């Protein structure tokens, strides 16, 4: 199965009407189709958010946890809420039992930090 097949199977939310562009974006993460499948099943439709979560130790299975945490006033998966910007990475870590103080910020130097805000 190709990456494009995986993306198309998950529909409009996975590709925004442009499966080619979505395929390219996911290819840039270096993830295999099976990994992308996991993130899409977790309702994480943003390749960068999936890559960021993967780098801090959040797996697709963990990202599949449903929560009402964060902003927006709705229940959805951790993956979806992080990708939508309605749940901060440090909140996701706390919710999932990941010690954010030992996680390296993917947007900074190699210094461990609990803050994942993009600068």
C-alpha atoms as a PDB file:
ATOM      1  CA  UNK A   1       0.000   0.000   0.000  1.00  0.00           C
ATOM      2  CA  UNK A   2       1.321   3.435  -0.918  1.00  0.00           C
ATOM      3  CA  UNK A   3       1.337   6.541   1.212  1.00  0.00           C
ATOM      4  CA  UNK A   4      -1.184   8.126  -1.116  1.00  0.00           C
ATOM      5  CA  UNK A   5      -3.491   5.104  -0.730  1.00  0.00           C
ATOM      6  CA  UNK A   6      -3.355   5.484   3.047  1.00  0.00           C
ATOM      7  CA  UNK A   7      -4.110   9.204   2.848  1.00  0.00           C
ATOM      8  CA  UNK A   8      -6.962   8.801   0.362  1.00  0.00           C
ATOM      9  CA  UNK A   9      -8.546   6.081   2.479  1.00  0.00           C
ATOM     10  CA  UNK A  10      -8.815   8.537   5.374  1.00  0.00           C
ATOM     11  CA  UNK A  11     -10.668  11.051   3.260  1.00  0.00           C
ATOM     12  CA  UNK A  12     -10.835  14.800   3.033  1.00  0.00           C
ATOM     13  CA  UNK A  13      -9.560  15.526   6.547  1.00  0.00           C
ATOM     14  CA  UNK A  14      -6.369  13.640   5.706  1.00  0.00           C
ATOM     15  CA  UNK A  15      -5.688  15.467   2.447  1.00  0.00           C
ATOM     16  CA  UNK A  16      -7.745  18.660   2.399  1.00  0.00           C
ATOM     17  CA  UNK A  17      -8.738  18.011  -1.196  1.00  0.00           C
ATOM     18  CA  UNK A  18      -5.147  17.621  -2.410  1.00  0.00           C
ATOM     19  CA  UNK A  19      -3.844  14.070  -1.888  1.00  0.00           C
ATOM     20  CA  UNK A  20      -0.626  14.871  -3.775  1.00  0.00           C
ATOM     21  CA  UNK A  21       0.322  17.743  -1.473  1.00  0.00           C
ATOM     22  CA  UNK A  22      -0.642  15.716   1.593  1.00  0.00           C
ATOM     23  CA  UNK A  23       1.477  12.790   0.374  1.00  0.00           C
ATOM     24  CA  UNK A  24       4.462  15.099  -0.097  1.00  0.00           C
ATOM     25  CA  UNK A  25       4.027  16.587   3.381  1.00  0.00           C
ATOM     26  CA  UNK A  26       3.907  13.139   4.991  1.00  0.00           C
ATOM     27  CA  UNK A  27       6.870  11.951   2.886  1.00  0.00           C
ATOM     28  CA  UNK A  28       8.923  14.840   4.320  1.00  0.00           C
ATOM     29  CA  UNK A  29       8.467  13.347   7.800  1.00  0.00           C
ATOM     30  CA  UNK A  30      10.249  10.186   6.684  1.00  0.00           C
ATOM     31  CA  UNK A  31       7.430   8.034   8.049  1.00  0.00           C
ATOM     32  CA  UNK A  32       6.413   4.831   6.336  1.00  0.00           C
ATOM     33  CA  UNK A  33       2.784   4.298   5.183  1.00  0.00           C
ATOM     34  CA  UNK A  34       2.055   2.109   8.218  1.00  0.00           C
ATOM     35  CA  UNK A  35       3.220   4.844  10.586  1.00  0.00           C
ATOM     36  CA  UNK A  36       1.170   7.465   8.756  1.00  0.00           C
ATOM     37  CA  UNK A  37      -1.827   5.139   9.005  1.00  0.00           C
ATOM     38  CA  UNK A  38      -1.422   5.130  12.789  1.00  0.00           C
ATOM     39  CA  UNK A  39      -1.344   8.919  13.004  1.00  0.00           C
ATOM     40  CA  UNK A  40      -4.347   9.290  10.712  1.00  0.00           C
ATOM     41  CA  UNK A  41      -6.264   6.710  12.757  1.00  0.00           C
ATOM     42  CA  UNK A  42      -5.440   8.862  15.790  1.00  0.00           C
ATOM     43  CA  UNK A  43      -7.056  11.743  13.882  1.00  0.00           C
ATOM     44  CA  UNK A  44      -3.762  13.611  13.625  1.00  0.00           C
ATOM     45  CA  UNK A  45      -4.043  15.020  10.127  1.00  0.00           C
ATOM     46  CA  UNK A  46      -1.030  17.352  10.376  1.00  0.00           C
ATOM     47  CA  UNK A  47       2.282  15.684   9.461  1.00  0.00           C
ATOM     48  CA  UNK A  48       4.336  18.247  11.400  1.00  0.00           C
ATOM     49  CA  UNK A  49       2.270  17.712  14.549  1.00  0.00           C
ATOM     50  CA  UNK A  50       2.638  13.940  14.177  1.00  0.00           C
ATOM     51  CA  UNK A  51       6.383  14.299  13.731  1.00  0.00           C
ATOM     52  CA  UNK A  52       6.613  16.599  16.776  1.00  0.00           C
ATOM     53  CA  UNK A  53       4.617  14.197  18.938  1.00  0.00           C
ATOM     54  CA  UNK A  54       6.709  11.261  17.748  1.00  0.00           C
ATOM     55  CA  UNK A  55       9.903  13.142  18.657  1.00  0.00           C
ATOM     56  CA  UNK A  56       8.696  13.769  22.227  1.00  0.00           C
ATOM     57  CA  UNK A  57       7.629  10.178  22.781  1.00  0.00           C
ATOM     58  CA  UNK A  58       3.921  10.263  21.984  1.00  0.00           C
ATOM     59  CA  UNK A  59       2.970   7.236  19.885  1.00  0.00           C
ATOM     60  CA  UNK A  60      -0.048   7.000  17.587  1.00  0.00           C
ATOM     61  CA  UNK A  61      -1.696   4.687  20.147  1.00  0.00           C
ATOM     62  CA  UNK A  62      -1.198   7.301  22.855  1.00  0.00           C
ATOM     63  CA  UNK A  63      -2.420  10.044  20.514  1.00  0.00           C
ATOM     64  CA  UNK A  64      -5.644   8.034  20.016  1.00  0.00           C
ATOM     65  CA  UNK A  65      -6.749   8.703  23.604  1.00  0.00           C
ATOM     66  CA  UNK A  66      -9.923  10.770  23.642  1.00  0.00           C
ATOM     67  CA  UNK A  67      -9.982  13.821  25.887  1.00  0.00           C
ATOM     68  CA  UNK A  68     -11.848  17.002  26.662  1.00  0.00           C
ATOM     69  CA  UNK A  69      -8.621  18.633  27.891  1.00  0.00           C
ATOM     70  CA  UNK A  70      -7.333  21.781  26.258  1.00  0.00           C
ATOM     71  CA  UNK A  71      -9.292  24.537  24.617  1.00  0.00           C
ATOM     72  CA  UNK A  72     -12.165  24.388  22.180  1.00  0.00           C
ATOM     73  CA  UNK A  73     -14.745  22.781  24.457  1.00  0.00           C
ATOM     74  CA  UNK A  74     -14.952  19.484  22.584  1.00  0.00           C
ATOM     75  CA  UNK A  75     -13.894  15.861  22.974  1.00  0.00           C
ATOM     76  CA  UNK A  76     -11.496  14.382  20.442  1.00  0.00           C
ATOM     77  CA  UNK A  77      -8.211  12.522  20.353  1.00  0.00           C
ATOM     78  CA  UNK A  78      -5.014  13.912  21.785  1.00  0.00           C
ATOM     79  CA  UNK A  79      -3.556  13.740  18.270  1.00  0.00           C
ATOM     80  CA  UNK A  80      -6.345  15.783  16.758  1.00  0.00           C
ATOM     81  CA  UNK A  81      -6.328  18.374  19.524  1.00  0.00           C
ATOM     82  CA  UNK A  82      -2.536  18.825  19.374  1.00  0.00           C
ATOM     83  CA  UNK A  83      -2.662  19.126  15.574  1.00  0.00           C
ATOM     84  CA  UNK A  84      -5.501  21.652  15.812  1.00  0.00           C
ATOM     85  CA  UNK A  85      -3.610  23.716  18.389  1.00  0.00           C
ATOM     86  CA  UNK A  86      -6.256  23.097  21.043  1.00  0.00           C
ATOM     87  CA  UNK A  87      -3.967  21.038  23.288  1.00  0.00           C
ATOM     88  CA  UNK A  88      -0.396  22.079  24.019  1.00  0.00           C
ATOM     89  CA  UNK A  89       2.336  19.479  23.824  1.00  0.00           C
ATOM     90  CA  UNK A  90       3.159  19.796  27.517  1.00  0.00           C
ATOM     91  CA  UNK A  91      -0.538  19.263  28.347  1.00  0.00           C
ATOM     92  CA  UNK A  92      -0.545  16.159  26.140  1.00  0.00           C
ATOM     93  CA  UNK A  93       2.568  14.879  27.924  1.00  0.00           C
ATOM     94  CA  UNK A  94       0.970  15.398  31.337  1.00  0.00           C
ATOM     95  CA  UNK A  95      -2.243  13.729  30.215  1.00  0.00           C
ATOM     96  CA  UNK A  96      -0.358  10.732  28.819  1.00  0.00           C
ATOM     97  CA  UNK A  97       2.084  10.371  31.702  1.00  0.00           C
ATOM     98  CA  UNK A  98       5.173  11.542  29.832  1.00  0.00           C
ATOM     99  CA  UNK A  99       7.663  13.523  31.913  1.00  0.00           C
ATOM    100  CA  UNK A 100       7.923  16.681  29.827  1.00  0.00           C
ATOM    101  CA  UNK A 101      10.971  17.862  31.783  1.00  0.00           C
ATOM    102  CA  UNK A 102      13.042  15.131  30.155  1.00  0.00           C
ATOM    103  CA  UNK A 103      11.755  15.760  26.653  1.00  0.00           C
ATOM    104  CA  UNK A 104      13.832  17.789  24.232  1.00  0.00           C
ATOM    105  CA  UNK A 105      11.992  20.625  22.544  1.00  0.00           C
ATOM    106  CA  UNK A 106      12.086  19.854  18.802  1.00  0.00           C
ATOM    107  CA  UNK A 107      12.206  23.614  18.081  1.00  0.00           C
ATOM    108  CA  UNK A 108      15.171  24.493  20.300  1.00  0.00           C
ATOM    109  CA  UNK A 109      18.678  23.343  21.125  1.00  0.00           C
ATOM    110  CA  UNK A 110      19.388  19.981  22.755  1.00  0.00           C
ATOM    111  CA  UNK A 111      18.419  21.377  26.155  1.00  0.00           C
ATOM    112  CA  UNK A 112      15.561  19.487  27.874  1.00  0.00           C
ATOM    113  CA  UNK A 113      12.551  21.690  28.488  1.00  0.00           C
ATOM    114  CA  UNK A 114       8.923  21.491  29.471  1.00  0.00           C
ATOM    115  CA  UNK A 115       7.900  24.218  27.066  1.00  0.00           C
ATOM    116  CA  UNK A 116       7.219  23.375  23.455  1.00  0.00           C
ATOM    117  CA  UNK A 117       6.049  26.766  22.221  1.00  0.00           C
ATOM    118  CA  UNK A 118       7.297  27.608  18.738  1.00  0.00           C
ATOM    119  CA  UNK A 119       9.339  30.753  18.610  1.00  0.00           C
END
